Protein backbone atom coordinates (compact mmCIF):
# COMPACT_ATOMS: atom_id res chain seq x y z
CA GLN A 1 26.32 -196.15 33.90
CA VAL A 2 29.67 -197.46 32.70
CA GLN A 3 30.48 -196.83 29.06
CA VAL A 4 33.58 -197.56 27.01
CA VAL A 5 33.22 -196.44 23.41
CA GLU A 6 35.81 -196.88 20.67
CA SER A 7 35.93 -194.79 17.51
CA GLY A 8 38.28 -193.93 14.68
CA GLY A 9 38.39 -197.18 12.77
CA GLY A 10 38.05 -197.41 9.03
CA LEU A 11 39.62 -198.49 5.77
CA VAL A 12 43.19 -197.38 5.10
CA GLN A 13 45.84 -198.28 2.56
CA PRO A 14 49.01 -200.10 3.58
CA GLY A 15 51.50 -197.63 4.99
CA GLY A 16 48.74 -195.32 6.15
CA SER A 17 47.79 -194.13 9.61
CA LEU A 18 44.76 -194.14 11.89
CA ARG A 19 44.14 -192.88 15.39
CA LEU A 20 41.70 -194.81 17.53
CA SER A 21 40.00 -193.22 20.50
CA CYS A 22 38.32 -194.83 23.48
CA ALA A 23 36.06 -192.59 25.53
CA ALA A 24 35.12 -193.75 29.02
CA SER A 25 32.45 -192.68 31.45
CA GLY A 26 30.75 -193.91 34.59
CA PHE A 27 33.89 -194.86 36.53
CA ILE A 28 37.01 -193.24 37.93
CA PHE A 29 39.07 -193.39 34.77
CA SER A 30 42.32 -192.25 36.37
CA ARG A 31 42.44 -195.40 38.52
CA TYR A 32 42.22 -197.77 35.59
CA ALA A 33 44.92 -199.27 33.44
CA MET A 34 43.80 -199.19 29.83
CA SER A 35 44.53 -201.58 27.02
CA TRP A 36 43.87 -202.05 23.33
CA TYR A 37 43.17 -205.54 22.03
CA ARG A 38 42.41 -206.73 18.54
CA GLN A 39 40.73 -209.74 17.02
CA ALA A 40 41.10 -210.77 13.40
CA PRO A 41 38.62 -213.15 11.75
CA GLY A 42 39.19 -216.72 12.90
CA GLN A 43 41.82 -215.69 15.42
CA GLU A 44 41.90 -215.19 19.16
CA ARG A 45 41.81 -211.75 20.68
CA GLU A 46 45.31 -210.45 21.37
CA LEU A 47 46.68 -207.69 23.52
CA VAL A 48 48.15 -204.92 21.37
CA ALA A 49 49.13 -202.21 23.84
CA SER A 50 48.56 -201.19 27.43
CA ILE A 51 49.11 -198.10 29.53
CA SER A 52 49.18 -197.63 33.28
CA SER A 53 46.69 -195.48 35.13
CA THR A 54 49.07 -192.50 35.21
CA GLY A 55 50.40 -193.04 31.71
CA SER A 56 53.94 -193.57 32.94
CA ASP A 57 54.22 -197.16 31.73
CA THR A 58 53.34 -198.57 28.34
CA ASN A 59 53.72 -201.99 26.75
CA TYR A 60 53.31 -203.27 23.21
CA VAL A 61 53.11 -206.57 21.43
CA ASP A 62 56.26 -207.07 19.36
CA SER A 63 54.43 -206.87 16.05
CA VAL A 64 53.42 -203.21 16.60
CA LYS A 65 56.48 -201.84 18.40
CA GLY A 66 57.78 -198.74 16.66
CA ARG A 67 54.54 -198.31 14.71
CA PHE A 68 51.79 -197.91 17.33
CA THR A 69 51.66 -195.52 20.27
CA ILE A 70 49.20 -195.71 23.16
CA SER A 71 48.46 -192.59 25.18
CA ARG A 72 45.80 -191.30 27.52
CA ASP A 73 44.25 -188.04 28.68
CA ASN A 74 42.81 -188.54 32.13
CA ALA A 75 41.11 -185.14 32.07
CA LYS A 76 39.19 -186.19 28.96
CA MET A 77 38.78 -189.78 30.16
CA THR A 78 40.08 -190.99 26.83
CA VAL A 79 42.77 -193.37 25.66
CA TYR A 80 44.23 -193.29 22.17
CA LEU A 81 46.03 -195.65 19.85
CA GLN A 82 48.04 -193.96 17.13
CA MET A 83 48.72 -196.49 14.40
CA ASN A 84 51.31 -195.69 11.74
CA SER A 85 52.80 -197.71 8.90
CA LEU A 86 49.76 -199.95 8.88
CA LYS A 87 49.99 -203.39 7.34
CA PRO A 88 47.29 -205.73 6.02
CA GLU A 89 47.93 -207.99 9.01
CA ASP A 90 46.77 -205.18 11.29
CA THR A 91 43.25 -205.70 9.98
CA ALA A 92 41.01 -206.58 12.92
CA VAL A 93 38.34 -205.35 15.26
CA TYR A 94 40.07 -203.23 17.91
CA TYR A 95 38.73 -203.26 21.45
CA CYS A 96 39.42 -201.04 24.43
CA LYS A 97 39.55 -202.45 27.94
CA ALA A 98 39.62 -200.75 31.33
CA ARG A 99 40.91 -202.67 34.32
CA TYR A 100 41.24 -201.88 38.03
CA ARG A 101 41.51 -204.63 40.61
CA GLU A 102 38.56 -206.97 39.94
CA TYR A 103 36.75 -204.47 37.74
CA GLU A 104 37.00 -204.83 33.98
CA TYR A 105 35.06 -203.04 31.25
CA TRP A 106 35.16 -203.60 27.49
CA GLY A 107 34.02 -201.53 24.57
CA GLN A 108 32.11 -202.82 21.58
CA GLY A 109 35.04 -202.53 19.19
CA THR A 110 35.90 -200.58 16.06
CA GLN A 111 36.83 -202.15 12.73
CA VAL A 112 40.20 -201.42 11.14
CA ALA A 113 40.82 -202.66 7.61
CA VAL A 114 44.16 -202.23 5.86
CA SER A 115 43.91 -202.90 2.16
CA SER A 116 44.83 -201.44 -1.20
């Protein structure tokens, strides 16, 4: 049974940090590129960061470059998103996605709220 489960969201003040985790099971994790997306209320889902199957390549949307870091541990079948210097505009539901060829799996999302 395929599972992709995000955790680590919560309420944080502007300038604070959070680390999101995405734990996978039921598929060969090391073959899959992993991505974090987010969706704010009334907005479309956007790609935030992605990482290749080996972890050698990463990409970020311009708005998070220098603040967010995506990483993965293939032995633990987990991908992370370290978020620093958080801003109110980072408030959204954050989703994890696994992709390999035609196979694509999404998690249920974790809420991040940045507010004073």
